Amino acid sequence: MNTSKTVLITGGNKGIGFESARQLGKLGFIILIGSRDQSKGHEAAASLKNENINAEAITLDVTDLDTIQSATKRIEAQYGALDVLINNAGVNLDRGLPPSQLELTVLRNTYETNVFGMFSVTKAMLPLIKKSPAGRIVNLSSGLASLTLNIDPESDSEKYGVNLLAYMSSKTAVNALTVLFAKELRETPIKINSADPGFTATDLNGHTGYRTVEQGASIVVKLATLLGDGPNGGFFDENGVIQW
């Protein structure tokens, strides 16, 4: 068994997921790129290898239980445990429509990836994370998930001005998932937290974000490498705690 720490990143072939992989790879982690597109996963892993990072691609579609189970078995067979899980895969399907004009199928499909997919991967990988001496789980959320900021026009005008029911509520649900798993795991060494990367330019928003992936990945990497006295069950951006 390799003694280096392993990290699985869902949707790790691009955007914040790929940059998180790059930064953690530079810290010596073995990078497992979870990608639903096998060829794109291999391309991402090859790119990291060119930077002398130990990386490999794993076919993983968070909405497909068969691929989740196959990925779990492969990681167990190769490494015996998983040190870090970064639940990065996500979608934004609202297309700017207000809540009253949203189709039910859009809401369902958003939750299928952002919530049910995250839950499925976390549940499947948890036995392997428990085998790590200090497992870490990072759930990619969004400052737009904050109910406090969403209801108060004076608190954050940027967030108050956005009203995407499917995406925003799914990320609020992600935060609930974080809190409830943290409660269950509070007597273990595992730490699970939600990360807000900020409005980062990625495919998710058509690259309209004003932050770079390097900036967006910084809080993800920080939460993935928490020491034993670090927080558990929290919601953070690079500046600190975010209101729920």
Protein backbone atom coordinates (compact mmCIF):
# COMPACT_ATOMS: atom_id res chain seq x y z
CA MET A 1 0.00 0.00 0.00
CA ASN A 2 1.20 3.50 -0.87
CA THR A 3 1.64 5.61 2.28
CA SER A 4 0.86 8.92 0.53
CA LYS A 5 -2.55 10.42 1.23
CA THR A 6 -5.27 9.86 -1.35
CA VAL A 7 -7.88 12.38 -2.45
CA LEU A 8 -10.88 11.70 -4.67
CA ILE A 9 -12.34 14.72 -6.45
CA THR A 10 -15.67 14.31 -8.21
CA GLY A 11 -15.87 16.35 -11.39
CA GLY A 12 -12.12 16.75 -11.02
CA ASN A 13 -11.31 17.01 -14.71
CA LYS A 14 -11.96 20.76 -14.98
CA GLY A 15 -12.58 24.02 -13.16
CA ILE A 16 -12.23 24.28 -9.40
CA GLY A 17 -12.02 20.49 -9.09
CA PHE A 18 -9.01 20.29 -11.39
CA GLU A 19 -7.26 23.24 -9.75
CA SER A 20 -7.87 21.69 -6.31
CA ALA A 21 -6.31 18.50 -7.67
CA ARG A 22 -3.31 20.43 -8.94
CA GLN A 23 -2.74 22.24 -5.65
CA LEU A 24 -3.16 19.11 -3.53
CA GLY A 25 -0.97 17.17 -5.93
CA LYS A 26 1.79 19.71 -5.36
CA LEU A 27 1.43 18.96 -1.64
CA GLY A 28 2.12 15.27 -2.28
CA PHE A 29 -1.38 13.81 -2.40
CA ILE A 30 -2.24 10.96 -4.74
CA ILE A 31 -4.92 12.49 -6.95
CA LEU A 32 -7.91 10.44 -8.06
CA ILE A 33 -9.78 12.36 -10.76
CA GLY A 34 -13.45 11.37 -10.71
CA SER A 35 -14.92 12.07 -14.13
CA ARG A 36 -18.08 10.82 -15.83
CA ASP A 37 -16.31 11.21 -19.20
CA GLN A 38 -13.49 8.67 -19.20
CA SER A 39 -11.42 10.39 -21.90
CA LYS A 40 -11.61 13.79 -20.20
CA GLY A 41 -10.59 12.18 -16.92
CA HIS A 42 -7.53 10.62 -18.54
CA GLU A 43 -6.63 13.93 -20.19
CA ALA A 44 -6.80 15.70 -16.83
CA ALA A 45 -4.70 13.04 -15.12
CA ALA A 46 -2.12 13.19 -17.93
CA SER A 47 -1.91 16.96 -17.56
CA LEU A 48 -1.22 16.61 -13.84
CA LYS A 49 1.38 13.92 -14.46
CA ASN A 50 3.19 16.40 -16.69
CA GLU A 51 3.59 18.52 -13.54
CA ASN A 52 5.07 15.53 -11.68
CA ILE A 53 1.83 14.91 -9.79
CA ASN A 54 0.75 11.37 -8.98
CA ALA A 55 -2.67 11.28 -10.61
CA GLU A 56 -5.05 8.80 -12.15
CA ALA A 57 -8.54 8.94 -13.61
CA ILE A 58 -11.52 7.06 -12.21
CA THR A 59 -14.77 6.86 -14.13
CA LEU A 60 -17.39 8.26 -11.78
CA ASP A 61 -20.79 9.72 -12.55
CA VAL A 62 -22.36 10.88 -9.28
CA THR A 63 -25.84 10.10 -10.67
CA ASP A 64 -24.90 6.51 -11.57
CA LEU A 65 -24.69 4.11 -8.63
CA ASP A 66 -22.88 1.48 -10.69
CA THR A 67 -19.96 3.82 -11.39
CA ILE A 68 -19.90 4.93 -7.74
CA GLN A 69 -19.70 1.33 -6.55
CA SER A 70 -17.03 0.47 -9.12
CA ALA A 71 -14.96 3.48 -8.06
CA THR A 72 -15.29 2.50 -4.40
CA LYS A 73 -14.11 -1.05 -5.08
CA ARG A 74 -11.19 0.18 -7.15
CA ILE A 75 -10.00 2.61 -4.48
CA GLU A 76 -10.31 -0.04 -1.79
CA ALA A 77 -8.37 -2.58 -3.87
CA GLN A 78 -5.59 -0.15 -4.78
CA TYR A 79 -5.23 1.95 -1.64
CA GLY A 80 -7.21 0.32 1.16
CA ALA A 81 -8.51 3.67 2.39
CA LEU A 82 -9.45 7.16 1.23
CA ASP A 83 -8.03 10.16 3.08
CA VAL A 84 -9.96 13.00 1.46
CA LEU A 85 -13.20 13.22 -0.50
CA ILE A 86 -13.97 16.46 -2.33
CA ASN A 87 -17.57 16.53 -3.52
CA ASN A 88 -17.04 18.99 -6.34
CA ALA A 89 -19.34 17.77 -9.14
CA GLY A 90 -22.33 20.04 -9.64
CA VAL A 91 -24.69 21.62 -12.14
CA ASN A 92 -26.51 24.93 -12.59
CA LEU A 93 -29.54 24.41 -14.83
CA ASP A 94 -31.76 27.39 -13.92
CA ARG A 95 -30.83 29.43 -17.02
CA GLY A 96 -31.59 32.62 -15.13
CA LEU A 97 -35.31 31.90 -14.81
CA PRO A 98 -37.22 33.13 -11.72
CA PRO A 99 -38.67 30.46 -9.42
CA SER A 100 -42.22 30.70 -10.81
CA GLN A 101 -41.00 29.91 -14.34
CA LEU A 102 -38.78 26.97 -13.42
CA GLU A 103 -39.76 23.54 -14.73
CA LEU A 104 -40.06 20.76 -12.17
CA THR A 105 -37.70 18.61 -14.21
CA VAL A 106 -34.98 21.24 -13.85
CA LEU A 107 -35.37 21.20 -10.07
CA ARG A 108 -35.26 17.40 -10.00
CA ASN A 109 -32.23 17.15 -12.29
CA THR A 110 -30.36 19.76 -10.26
CA TYR A 111 -30.96 17.88 -7.02
CA GLU A 112 -30.09 14.59 -8.71
CA THR A 113 -26.50 15.79 -9.15
CA ASN A 114 -25.95 18.42 -6.49
CA VAL A 115 -27.67 16.69 -3.56
CA PHE A 116 -28.50 13.04 -4.25
CA GLY A 117 -25.26 12.51 -6.14
CA MET A 118 -23.21 14.06 -3.35
CA PHE A 119 -25.04 11.95 -0.79
CA SER A 120 -24.52 8.75 -2.79
CA VAL A 121 -20.79 9.29 -3.19
CA THR A 122 -20.33 10.28 0.45
CA LYS A 123 -22.23 7.24 1.70
CA ALA A 124 -20.31 4.88 -0.58
CA MET A 125 -16.88 6.30 0.27
CA LEU A 126 -17.44 6.73 4.01
CA PRO A 127 -16.26 3.22 5.00
CA LEU A 128 -12.96 3.93 3.21
CA ILE A 129 -12.68 7.39 4.78
CA LYS A 130 -13.17 5.82 8.21
CA LYS A 131 -10.07 3.71 7.53
CA SER A 132 -8.00 6.88 7.20
CA PRO A 133 -6.39 8.15 10.43
CA ALA A 134 -7.75 11.64 9.72
CA GLY A 135 -10.38 11.61 6.99
CA ARG A 136 -11.59 14.85 5.48
CA ILE A 137 -14.70 15.59 3.39
CA VAL A 138 -15.18 18.89 1.57
CA ASN A 139 -18.57 19.68 0.05
CA LEU A 140 -18.60 22.37 -2.63
CA SER A 141 -21.35 24.77 -1.70
CA SER A 142 -21.90 28.43 -2.57
CA GLY A 143 -22.37 31.71 -0.77
CA LEU A 144 -25.70 31.74 -2.63
CA ALA A 145 -26.80 28.90 -0.33
CA SER A 146 -26.92 31.20 2.69
CA LEU A 147 -30.53 31.77 3.75
CA THR A 148 -29.41 34.64 5.96
CA LEU A 149 -27.76 36.51 3.09
CA ASN A 150 -30.57 35.68 0.65
CA ILE A 151 -33.30 37.25 2.77
CA ASP A 152 -31.49 40.46 3.74
CA PRO A 153 -30.84 42.99 0.93
CA GLU A 154 -28.54 44.94 3.23
CA SER A 155 -26.24 42.03 4.10
CA ASP A 156 -24.85 41.21 0.66
CA SER A 157 -26.38 42.95 -2.36
CA GLU A 158 -24.52 40.69 -4.78
CA LYS A 159 -26.08 37.53 -3.38
CA TYR A 160 -29.48 39.11 -2.75
CA GLY A 161 -29.69 40.04 -6.42
CA VAL A 162 -29.51 36.39 -7.55
CA ASN A 163 -32.65 34.22 -7.37
CA LEU A 164 -31.97 30.79 -8.88
CA LEU A 165 -34.31 28.38 -7.08
CA ALA A 166 -32.87 25.05 -8.22
CA TYR A 167 -29.18 25.83 -7.88
CA MET A 168 -29.34 27.92 -4.72
CA SER A 169 -31.71 25.65 -2.80
CA SER A 170 -29.67 22.60 -3.80
CA LYS A 171 -26.59 24.18 -2.26
CA THR A 172 -28.58 25.00 0.89
CA ALA A 173 -29.42 21.29 0.99
CA VAL A 174 -25.71 20.52 0.59
CA ASN A 175 -25.07 22.57 3.72
CA ALA A 176 -27.72 20.59 5.59
CA LEU A 177 -26.05 17.38 4.45
CA THR A 178 -22.74 18.71 5.78
CA VAL A 179 -24.19 19.55 9.19
CA LEU A 180 -26.03 16.26 9.65
CA PHE A 181 -23.10 14.08 8.58
CA ALA A 182 -20.88 16.12 10.90
CA LYS A 183 -23.22 15.34 13.79
CA GLU A 184 -23.05 11.63 13.02
CA LEU A 185 -19.25 11.68 12.71
CA ARG A 186 -18.50 14.03 15.61
CA GLU A 187 -16.90 11.26 17.72
CA THR A 188 -14.56 10.24 14.88
CA PRO A 189 -11.41 11.92 13.50
CA ILE A 190 -13.32 12.76 10.30
CA LYS A 191 -14.05 16.40 9.55
CA ILE A 192 -16.67 17.45 6.99
CA ASN A 193 -17.23 21.06 5.95
CA SER A 194 -18.87 23.13 3.22
CA ALA A 195 -16.73 25.38 1.04
CA ASP A 196 -17.75 28.53 -0.82
CA PRO A 197 -15.24 29.18 -3.62
CA GLY A 198 -16.88 32.48 -4.54
CA PHE A 199 -18.01 33.60 -8.00
CA THR A 200 -15.32 31.74 -9.90
CA ALA A 201 -15.06 31.62 -13.69
CA THR A 202 -16.00 28.04 -14.65
CA ASP A 203 -18.23 26.17 -17.08
CA LEU A 204 -20.94 26.27 -14.40
CA ASN A 205 -21.52 29.98 -14.98
CA GLY A 206 -20.31 30.29 -18.57
CA HIS A 207 -17.01 31.71 -17.26
CA THR A 208 -18.74 34.90 -16.14
CA GLY A 209 -17.24 34.70 -12.64
CA TYR A 210 -14.66 37.29 -11.66
CA ARG A 211 -12.53 34.99 -9.51
CA THR A 212 -9.85 32.65 -10.83
CA VAL A 213 -9.89 28.90 -10.22
CA GLU A 214 -6.72 29.38 -8.19
CA GLN A 215 -8.63 31.69 -5.85
CA GLY A 216 -11.69 29.43 -5.80
CA ALA A 217 -9.69 26.34 -4.94
CA SER A 218 -7.91 27.92 -1.98
CA ILE A 219 -10.68 27.26 0.58
CA VAL A 220 -11.18 23.74 -0.79
CA VAL A 221 -7.52 22.90 -0.24
CA LYS A 222 -7.56 24.51 3.19
CA LEU A 223 -10.51 22.39 4.35
CA ALA A 224 -9.03 19.25 2.76
CA THR A 225 -5.85 19.64 4.79
CA LEU A 226 -7.29 20.61 8.18
CA LEU A 227 -5.32 19.61 11.24
CA GLY A 228 -6.90 17.65 14.09
CA ASP A 229 -8.09 20.79 15.88
CA GLY A 230 -9.82 22.16 12.79
CA PRO A 231 -13.55 22.83 12.46
CA ASN A 232 -16.21 20.24 11.72
CA GLY A 233 -19.67 20.90 10.28
CA GLY A 234 -18.98 24.47 9.21
CA PHE A 235 -19.48 26.71 6.17
CA PHE A 236 -16.45 28.70 5.05
CA ASP A 237 -14.94 30.84 2.37
CA GLU A 238 -11.35 32.06 2.30
CA ASN A 239 -12.21 34.85 4.73
CA GLY A 240 -13.79 32.67 7.39
CA VAL A 241 -17.25 31.55 8.52
CA ILE A 242 -20.32 32.19 6.36
CA GLN A 243 -23.77 32.58 7.88
CA TRP A 244 -26.10 29.66 7.14
